[in-house]
């Protein structure tokens, strides 16, 4: 039986009513990517307020690696809610907090002592990591990259690259943030091979550490092993290796922002593991707690211990409900069979997306990503590679009205991103991507 079951147009009348109430009660700045209201979900399927069943390829923007309402997570939350909902880790200790820290410490790929601190959101994890790095090094500078997304707090907005969507009208931003180029092979200069392009970026790092900021001023290099909002661009392994060398040479802390790319999304627990590079700190959130608000900074114990007692923490950081949800999710995510399935889903998706791209060469400029973290980049002209943001919105509209949830990504907002629950079945993948293929074909056929 198909997973998609539509009983009204999308959005239906109840969705329109609830969304209208949202628009009246909430500010316009709290944007929405779809016009549907969701009642419940399980696995890779959600049911909207009108009873329509849709396949979710957005996955809560990378939060739902273990799917909607996974039984182990739901059971853990229910059990915990009967005994302790909140205590505050600043006030007292509870075992799920400690157990989760121990579990995450063991998942860090480094062969050195590690410690973990918990926060609530990805942005809080980034900001906490910067504080830790500054305390450890006694320096202020933070190196980030073009295309980066690190959050919406003042410091993390300064670290984020995409201006119009995330930063417009909100300055002034935090100082001591230095932005370097990030290698995006799809947009390399004409006539330059991908290897030559990556080599140029590797050589350019030394130039940047002279022309932009001196390495002795830098506390942290913060890098996404696969850029998220920047358009799912994997960082080349050789380039990451050079960042590691520079960090070691100058006593800089190398921080991997794995908030979107981690927790099994790429077929390994951490995306950076594909490169063989070991970061000092790893940042995680999103799928860490299967939808509960929780983030973490995991890293070298000597670095993590640098801030003074009381310098880290928050009222809700490491809440008991979030910790038990994360313990259940991490147990599933770190299982070799789950990681193998994640890799299989990624290979299946890439093959299908490349077929879709080959069928619509005038619209699809690139298919890229790592594992099951993939995008279609849509362009007006495959030769000039001019971004086509409107086409992305139209494709997402066409998939939604046919029962599949997709959302945008990319520095130019011209990528359709795919982050399905990794519990999605083969039949659901085939059904959903048939819809994606149809939507892409419709937009290409209709043209500008």
Protein backbone atom coordinates (compact mmCIF):
# COMPACT_ATOMS: atom_id res chain seq x y z
CA UNK A 1 0.00 0.00 0.00
CA UNK A 2 1.37 3.47 -0.87
CA UNK A 3 2.47 5.64 2.04
CA UNK A 4 1.15 8.79 0.38
CA UNK A 5 -2.61 9.13 0.82
CA UNK A 6 -4.21 12.43 -0.13
CA UNK A 7 -7.83 13.14 0.81
CA UNK A 8 -7.79 16.91 0.17
CA UNK A 9 -5.74 19.34 -1.81
CA UNK A 10 -2.50 20.41 -0.13
CA UNK A 11 -2.85 22.45 1.98
CA UNK A 12 -6.33 21.36 3.03
CA UNK A 13 -8.90 23.52 4.81
CA UNK A 14 -7.86 22.60 8.36
CA UNK A 15 -4.20 23.24 7.59
CA UNK A 16 -5.08 26.61 6.08
CA UNK A 17 -7.11 27.50 9.17
CA UNK A 18 -4.36 26.57 11.62
CA UNK A 19 -1.65 28.28 9.56
CA UNK A 20 -3.80 31.42 9.37
CA UNK A 21 -4.02 31.38 13.17
CA UNK A 22 -0.24 31.01 13.32
CA UNK A 23 0.24 34.00 11.04
CA UNK A 24 -2.08 36.10 13.22
CA UNK A 25 -0.46 35.03 16.50
CA UNK A 26 3.22 34.85 15.54
CA UNK A 27 5.60 37.33 13.86
CA UNK A 28 6.33 37.13 10.13
CA UNK A 29 10.02 36.68 10.88
CA UNK A 30 9.29 33.20 12.27
CA UNK A 31 9.02 31.86 8.76
CA UNK A 32 7.49 28.58 7.60
CA UNK A 33 8.71 26.51 4.65
CA UNK A 34 5.40 24.72 4.03
CA UNK A 35 1.73 25.72 4.45
CA UNK A 36 0.66 22.50 6.20
CA UNK A 37 -0.26 21.80 9.82
CA UNK A 38 0.83 18.37 11.08
CA UNK A 39 -1.11 16.29 13.60
CA UNK A 40 1.19 13.30 14.03
CA UNK A 41 3.94 11.27 12.42
CA UNK A 42 5.70 7.96 12.60
CA UNK A 43 8.79 6.74 10.79
CA UNK A 44 9.05 8.69 7.54
CA UNK A 45 5.34 9.60 7.27
CA UNK A 46 3.42 12.54 8.74
CA UNK A 47 -0.32 13.09 8.79
CA UNK A 48 -1.61 16.63 8.44
CA UNK A 49 -4.65 18.21 10.08
CA UNK A 50 -6.83 17.16 7.14
CA UNK A 51 -5.82 13.49 7.27
CA UNK A 52 -3.39 13.58 4.36
CA UNK A 53 -0.43 11.18 4.65
CA UNK A 54 2.84 12.66 3.37
CA UNK A 55 6.39 11.29 3.12
CA UNK A 56 8.86 13.54 4.94
CA UNK A 57 12.16 14.10 3.11
CA UNK A 58 13.03 17.14 5.27
CA UNK A 59 13.34 15.20 8.51
CA UNK A 60 12.89 18.22 10.75
CA UNK A 61 15.89 19.80 8.96
CA UNK A 62 18.11 16.89 9.91
CA UNK A 63 16.66 16.19 13.36
CA UNK A 64 14.87 12.92 12.67
CA UNK A 65 17.59 10.40 11.83
CA UNK A 66 15.71 7.76 13.81
CA UNK A 67 12.35 8.88 12.41
CA UNK A 68 9.18 10.35 13.84
CA UNK A 69 8.08 8.96 17.22
CA UNK A 70 10.60 6.08 17.42
CA UNK A 71 9.37 3.59 19.99
CA UNK A 72 12.56 3.37 22.05
CA UNK A 73 12.73 7.16 22.37
CA UNK A 74 9.02 7.52 23.18
CA UNK A 75 9.23 4.78 25.82
CA UNK A 76 12.30 6.37 27.40
CA UNK A 77 10.63 9.78 27.61
CA UNK A 78 7.47 8.29 29.11
CA UNK A 79 9.39 6.41 31.79
CA UNK A 80 11.52 9.43 32.66
CA UNK A 81 8.53 11.79 32.81
CA UNK A 82 7.04 9.70 35.62
CA UNK A 83 10.14 10.10 37.81
CA UNK A 84 11.96 13.37 37.05
CA UNK A 85 11.13 16.01 34.44
CA UNK A 86 13.58 18.67 35.54
CA UNK A 87 16.24 19.23 38.19
CA UNK A 88 18.86 21.49 36.56
CA UNK A 89 22.31 20.01 36.20
CA UNK A 90 23.71 23.09 37.96
CA UNK A 91 21.76 22.16 41.10
CA UNK A 92 22.22 18.37 41.20
CA UNK A 93 23.32 15.36 39.17
CA UNK A 94 21.09 12.64 37.71
CA UNK A 95 22.36 9.46 36.11
CA UNK A 96 21.03 9.93 32.52
CA UNK A 97 23.11 13.12 32.28
CA UNK A 98 26.28 11.30 33.25
CA UNK A 99 25.52 8.20 31.19
CA UNK A 100 24.95 10.28 28.05
CA UNK A 101 28.19 12.23 28.56
CA UNK A 102 30.07 8.94 28.93
CA UNK A 103 28.43 7.58 25.78
CA UNK A 104 29.31 10.65 23.70
CA UNK A 105 32.86 10.73 25.04
CA UNK A 106 33.30 7.18 23.73
CA UNK A 107 32.01 8.22 20.29
CA UNK A 108 34.64 10.94 19.78
CA UNK A 109 37.10 9.53 17.20
CA UNK A 110 40.17 10.81 19.02
CA UNK A 111 42.43 8.56 21.08
CA UNK A 112 42.66 10.93 24.04
CA UNK A 113 40.62 11.63 27.19
CA UNK A 114 37.37 13.44 26.38
CA UNK A 115 34.62 15.31 28.20
CA UNK A 116 31.16 16.54 27.17
CA UNK A 117 29.06 19.55 28.12
CA UNK A 118 25.37 19.89 27.24
CA UNK A 119 23.41 22.86 25.97
CA UNK A 120 19.96 23.25 24.37
CA UNK A 121 20.48 24.24 20.73
CA UNK A 122 23.06 24.02 18.01
CA UNK A 123 23.81 27.72 18.26
CA UNK A 124 24.40 27.40 22.01
CA UNK A 125 26.82 24.55 21.35
CA UNK A 126 28.75 26.68 18.86
CA UNK A 127 28.92 29.64 21.19
CA UNK A 128 29.93 27.43 24.12
CA UNK A 129 32.68 25.87 22.01
CA UNK A 130 34.06 29.32 21.16
CA UNK A 131 34.07 30.23 24.87
CA UNK A 132 35.94 27.02 25.67
CA UNK A 133 38.50 27.64 22.93
CA UNK A 134 39.09 31.22 24.06
CA UNK A 135 39.54 30.13 27.67
CA UNK A 136 41.96 27.39 26.62
CA UNK A 137 44.11 29.48 24.28
CA UNK A 138 43.83 32.96 25.80
CA UNK A 139 43.09 34.23 22.27
CA UNK A 140 40.04 35.87 20.71
CA UNK A 141 40.01 35.16 16.96
CA UNK A 142 37.60 32.67 15.37
CA UNK A 143 38.09 31.46 11.79
CA UNK A 144 34.99 30.42 9.84
CA UNK A 145 34.25 29.93 6.15
CA UNK A 146 32.19 31.24 3.27
CA UNK A 147 28.87 29.44 3.09
CA UNK A 148 28.92 28.50 6.78
CA UNK A 149 25.86 28.35 8.99
CA UNK A 150 26.42 28.21 12.75
CA UNK A 151 23.27 29.67 14.32
CA UNK A 152 21.15 32.72 15.13
CA UNK A 153 22.63 34.15 18.33
CA UNK A 154 24.66 37.32 17.92
CA UNK A 155 28.02 35.54 17.88
CA UNK A 156 26.81 32.68 15.69
CA UNK A 157 25.16 35.10 13.26
CA UNK A 158 28.56 36.77 12.95
CA UNK A 159 29.99 33.33 12.18
CA UNK A 160 27.20 32.54 9.65
CA UNK A 161 27.83 33.46 6.02
CA UNK A 162 24.38 33.84 4.42
CA UNK A 163 23.48 37.47 5.07
CA UNK A 164 20.03 38.29 3.66
CA UNK A 165 18.16 35.37 5.19
CA UNK A 166 19.82 35.20 8.61
CA UNK A 167 21.53 38.53 9.35
CA UNK A 168 19.80 41.37 7.49
CA UNK A 169 18.87 44.20 9.84
CA UNK A 170 20.25 42.54 12.97
CA UNK A 171 23.75 44.03 13.34
CA UNK A 172 26.13 45.02 14.79
CA UNK A 173 27.53 41.53 15.20
CA UNK A 174 30.17 40.11 17.50
CA UNK A 175 33.77 40.99 16.58
CA UNK A 176 36.84 38.77 16.12
CA UNK A 177 35.29 36.52 13.45
CA UNK A 178 37.44 35.99 10.34
CA UNK A 179 35.98 34.40 7.20
CA UNK A 180 38.05 32.35 4.75
CA UNK A 181 37.04 30.87 1.36
CA UNK A 182 35.51 27.38 1.36
CA UNK A 183 36.15 25.03 -1.57
CA UNK A 184 32.97 24.56 -3.61
CA UNK A 185 34.10 22.49 -6.63
CA UNK A 186 30.85 23.03 -8.54
CA UNK A 187 31.57 26.76 -8.73
CA UNK A 188 35.27 26.55 -9.52
CA UNK A 189 36.71 28.83 -12.25
CA UNK A 190 36.24 27.64 -15.84
CA UNK A 191 39.15 25.56 -17.11
CA UNK A 192 40.34 24.55 -13.66
CA UNK A 193 40.12 20.87 -12.68
CA UNK A 194 38.66 19.87 -9.33
CA UNK A 195 42.06 18.70 -8.10
CA UNK A 196 43.65 22.00 -9.12
CA UNK A 197 40.86 23.90 -7.41
CA UNK A 198 41.24 22.02 -4.12
CA UNK A 199 45.04 22.43 -4.29
CA UNK A 200 44.59 26.18 -4.72
CA UNK A 201 42.38 26.31 -1.63
CA UNK A 202 44.92 24.35 0.37
CA UNK A 203 47.70 26.74 -0.63
CA UNK A 204 45.42 29.72 0.00
CA UNK A 205 45.05 28.84 3.68
CA UNK A 206 48.60 30.06 4.33
CA UNK A 207 47.78 33.30 2.52
CA UNK A 208 44.62 33.78 4.61
CA UNK A 209 46.53 33.31 7.83
CA UNK A 210 48.69 36.24 6.74
CA UNK A 211 46.31 38.53 4.89
CA UNK A 212 43.18 38.05 7.04
CA UNK A 213 44.36 37.12 10.53
CA UNK A 214 47.60 35.99 12.15
CA UNK A 215 47.40 32.40 13.45
CA UNK A 216 48.76 33.46 16.86
CA UNK A 217 45.56 35.47 17.33
CA UNK A 218 43.21 32.57 16.52
CA UNK A 219 41.54 30.51 19.24
CA UNK A 220 39.44 28.26 16.99
CA UNK A 221 38.88 27.12 13.44
CA UNK A 222 35.20 26.14 13.19
CA UNK A 223 34.31 24.12 10.11
CA UNK A 224 31.36 22.07 8.89
CA UNK A 225 32.67 18.81 7.40
CA UNK A 226 29.65 19.06 5.12
CA UNK A 227 28.20 22.54 4.83
CA UNK A 228 24.50 22.50 5.66
CA UNK A 229 22.74 25.75 4.79
CA UNK A 230 25.62 26.45 2.42
CA UNK A 231 24.32 23.74 0.10
CA UNK A 232 25.56 20.33 1.36
CA UNK A 233 29.12 20.85 0.15
CA UNK A 234 31.53 18.23 1.54
CA UNK A 235 34.87 19.65 2.67
CA UNK A 236 37.71 17.96 0.70
CA UNK A 237 39.70 15.56 2.88
CA UNK A 238 43.07 17.04 1.89
CA UNK A 239 41.85 20.54 2.77
CA UNK A 240 40.62 19.36 6.18
CA UNK A 241 43.97 17.66 6.72
CA UNK A 242 45.75 20.96 6.05
CA UNK A 243 43.49 22.71 8.59
CA UNK A 244 44.52 20.06 11.11
CA UNK A 245 48.21 20.68 10.36
CA UNK A 246 47.83 24.45 10.75
CA UNK A 247 45.89 24.03 13.99
CA UNK A 248 48.61 21.78 15.40
CA UNK A 249 51.38 24.11 14.25
CA UNK A 250 49.90 27.21 15.88
CA UNK A 251 48.05 25.81 18.90
CA UNK A 252 44.60 26.49 17.43
CA UNK A 253 41.59 24.37 18.42
CA UNK A 254 39.99 22.61 15.44
CA UNK A 255 36.22 22.43 15.90
CA UNK A 256 33.97 20.25 13.73
CA UNK A 257 30.41 21.59 13.56
CA UNK A 258 28.53 18.31 13.08
CA UNK A 259 25.15 19.69 14.10
CA UNK A 260 23.56 18.81 10.75
CA UNK A 261 26.08 16.36 9.29
CA UNK A 262 26.61 14.17 12.35
CA UNK A 263 24.67 11.45 14.17
CA UNK A 264 24.84 8.88 11.39
CA UNK A 265 23.63 11.12 8.57
CA UNK A 266 26.55 10.32 6.25
CA UNK A 267 26.93 6.62 7.03
CA UNK A 268 29.34 7.22 9.92
CA UNK A 269 28.57 8.69 13.32
CA UNK A 270 30.49 11.84 12.34
CA UNK A 271 30.93 13.14 8.79
CA UNK A 272 34.54 14.14 9.47
CA UNK A 273 35.40 10.47 9.97
CA UNK A 274 35.29 10.05 6.18
CA UNK A 275 38.38 12.27 5.94
CA UNK A 276 40.45 10.59 8.64
CA UNK A 277 40.93 13.99 10.32
CA UNK A 278 40.37 14.06 14.09
CA UNK A 279 39.06 17.39 15.43
CA UNK A 280 39.68 18.62 18.95
CA UNK A 281 36.02 19.42 19.58
CA UNK A 282 32.85 18.07 17.95
CA UNK A 283 29.52 19.91 18.10
CA UNK A 284 26.27 17.96 17.88
CA UNK A 285 22.54 18.67 18.19
CA UNK A 286 19.59 18.00 15.80
CA UNK A 287 19.32 14.18 15.62
CA UNK A 288 21.19 13.76 18.91
CA UNK A 289 17.96 13.59 20.93
CA UNK A 290 15.49 12.61 18.19
CA UNK A 291 13.63 15.92 18.38
CA UNK A 292 14.09 16.87 22.02
CA UNK A 293 16.07 20.12 22.52
CA UNK A 294 19.62 19.07 23.31
CA UNK A 295 23.09 19.87 22.03
CA UNK A 296 26.58 18.96 23.12
CA UNK A 297 30.23 19.93 22.84
CA UNK A 298 32.47 16.85 22.98
CA UNK A 299 36.24 17.20 23.05
CA UNK A 300 39.70 16.90 24.52
CA UNK A 301 39.47 16.89 28.29
CA UNK A 302 42.29 19.41 28.73
CA UNK A 303 40.54 21.87 26.42
CA UNK A 304 37.06 21.26 27.85
CA UNK A 305 38.34 21.88 31.39
CA UNK A 306 39.68 25.35 30.55
CA UNK A 307 36.64 27.47 31.58
CA UNK A 308 36.29 28.28 35.28
CA UNK A 309 33.63 26.50 37.39
CA UNK A 310 30.31 28.16 36.63
CA UNK A 311 31.47 29.37 33.23
CA UNK A 312 29.44 26.74 31.37
CA UNK A 313 25.86 25.57 31.66
CA UNK A 314 22.24 26.70 31.56
CA UNK A 315 18.93 26.12 33.30
CA UNK A 316 17.64 23.53 30.85
CA UNK A 317 20.95 22.20 29.53
CA UNK A 318 20.99 18.41 29.80
CA UNK A 319 17.35 18.16 30.84
CA UNK A 320 16.49 14.59 31.99
CA UNK A 321 13.85 14.02 29.29
CA UNK A 322 16.25 15.14 26.57
CA UNK A 323 19.05 12.98 27.98
CA UNK A 324 17.05 9.75 28.00
CA UNK A 325 15.76 10.51 24.50
CA UNK A 326 19.36 10.98 23.38
CA UNK A 327 20.51 7.77 25.04
CA UNK A 328 17.89 5.82 23.10
CA UNK A 329 18.62 7.64 19.85
CA UNK A 330 22.40 7.34 20.13
CA UNK A 331 22.17 3.63 20.89
CA UNK A 332 20.30 3.15 17.61
CA UNK A 333 22.39 5.59 15.56
CA UNK A 334 25.74 4.13 16.62
CA UNK A 335 24.70 0.57 15.79
CA UNK A 336 26.73 -0.69 12.78
CA UNK A 337 23.57 -1.96 11.07
CA UNK A 338 21.95 1.47 11.35
CA UNK A 339 25.04 3.15 9.91
CA UNK A 340 25.11 0.60 7.10
CA UNK A 341 21.47 1.37 6.33
CA UNK A 342 22.25 5.09 6.34
CA UNK A 343 24.96 4.49 3.74
CA UNK A 344 22.57 2.37 1.67
CA UNK A 345 19.91 5.08 1.75
CA UNK A 346 22.52 7.60 0.63
CA UNK A 347 23.69 5.45 -2.27
CA UNK A 348 20.09 4.83 -3.38
CA UNK A 349 19.23 8.53 -3.18
CA UNK A 350 22.34 9.62 -5.08
CA UNK A 351 21.65 7.17 -7.92
CA UNK A 352 18.04 8.34 -8.20
CA UNK A 353 18.96 12.03 -8.00
CA UNK A 354 21.61 11.60 -10.69
CA UNK A 355 18.94 9.99 -12.89
CA UNK A 356 16.65 12.95 -12.21
CA UNK A 357 19.48 15.34 -13.04
CA UNK A 358 20.28 13.53 -16.28
CA UNK A 359 16.60 13.72 -17.28
CA UNK A 360 16.48 17.48 -16.57
CA UNK A 361 19.92 18.79 -17.58
CA UNK A 362 18.62 22.28 -18.24
CA UNK A 363 17.53 22.69 -14.65
CA UNK A 364 19.69 20.46 -12.41
CA UNK A 365 23.22 21.84 -12.25
CA UNK A 366 24.65 19.55 -9.59
CA UNK A 367 23.88 16.57 -7.38
CA UNK A 368 26.09 16.48 -4.30
CA UNK A 369 26.48 15.77 -0.63
CA UNK A 370 27.72 12.89 1.50
CA UNK A 371 25.82 9.79 2.49
CA UNK A 372 22.12 10.51 2.91
CA UNK A 373 22.73 14.27 3.11
CA UNK A 374 22.13 15.32 -0.51
CA UNK A 375 20.90 18.20 -2.66
CA UNK A 376 19.88 19.06 -6.17
CA UNK A 377 21.28 22.47 -7.14
CA UNK A 378 18.97 24.18 -9.64
CA UNK A 379 20.28 26.68 -12.19
CA UNK A 380 18.88 28.77 -15.03
CA UNK A 381 21.69 27.76 -17.35
CA UNK A 382 24.05 24.78 -16.86
CA UNK A 383 26.84 26.69 -18.61
CA UNK A 384 26.71 29.91 -16.59
CA UNK A 385 25.47 28.10 -13.44
CA UNK A 386 23.26 31.08 -12.61
CA UNK A 387 21.32 30.12 -9.46
CA UNK A 388 17.56 29.70 -9.86
CA UNK A 389 15.98 30.24 -6.45
CA UNK A 390 12.44 30.47 -7.80
CA UNK A 391 12.71 27.04 -9.40
CA UNK A 392 13.63 25.56 -6.02
CA UNK A 393 10.49 27.02 -4.43
CA UNK A 394 8.42 25.68 -7.32
CA UNK A 395 9.88 22.17 -7.05
CA UNK A 396 9.17 22.11 -3.31
CA UNK A 397 5.62 23.31 -4.01
CA UNK A 398 5.10 20.60 -6.62
CA UNK A 399 6.40 17.83 -4.37
CA UNK A 400 4.24 18.99 -1.47
CA UNK A 401 1.00 19.05 -3.45
CA UNK A 402 1.78 15.47 -4.48
CA UNK A 403 2.43 14.33 -0.91
CA UNK A 404 6.20 14.70 -0.34
CA UNK A 405 7.80 17.30 1.96
CA UNK A 406 10.99 18.88 0.60
CA UNK A 407 12.71 22.12 1.58
CA UNK A 408 15.41 24.44 0.25
CA UNK A 409 19.07 24.97 1.11
CA UNK A 410 22.12 26.68 -0.35
CA UNK A 411 23.86 30.02 -0.21
CA UNK A 412 21.61 31.15 -3.05
CA UNK A 413 18.53 29.22 -1.76
CA UNK A 414 18.59 27.29 -5.04
CA UNK A 415 19.08 23.76 -3.72
CA UNK A 416 16.44 21.18 -2.88
CA UNK A 417 17.73 19.35 0.19
CA UNK A 418 17.07 15.77 1.22
CA UNK A 419 17.39 14.67 4.86
CA UNK A 420 14.90 11.80 5.19
CA UNK A 421 14.51 9.80 8.36
CA UNK A 422 17.03 6.99 8.05
CA UNK A 423 14.30 4.55 9.02
CA UNK A 424 12.59 5.19 5.68
CA UNK A 425 11.77 2.01 3.75
CA UNK A 426 12.82 1.14 0.22
CA UNK A 427 9.22 1.40 -0.94
CA UNK A 428 8.86 4.83 0.62
CA UNK A 429 12.08 6.01 -1.01
CA UNK A 430 10.89 4.85 -4.42
CA UNK A 431 7.46 6.42 -3.94
CA UNK A 432 8.86 9.74 -2.70
CA UNK A 433 11.54 10.11 -5.36
CA UNK A 434 9.09 9.31 -8.16
CA UNK A 435 7.27 12.41 -6.93
CA UNK A 436 10.52 14.42 -6.85
CA UNK A 437 11.27 13.35 -10.42
CA UNK A 438 7.81 14.41 -11.56
CA UNK A 439 8.10 17.77 -9.79
CA UNK A 440 11.50 18.53 -11.34
CA UNK A 441 10.25 17.58 -14.79
CA UNK A 442 7.21 19.84 -14.41
CA UNK A 443 9.30 22.86 -13.39
CA UNK A 444 11.82 22.30 -16.20
CA UNK A 445 9.03 21.90 -18.75
CA UNK A 446 7.22 25.05 -17.62
CA UNK A 447 10.44 27.11 -17.61
CA UNK A 448 10.83 30.63 -16.17
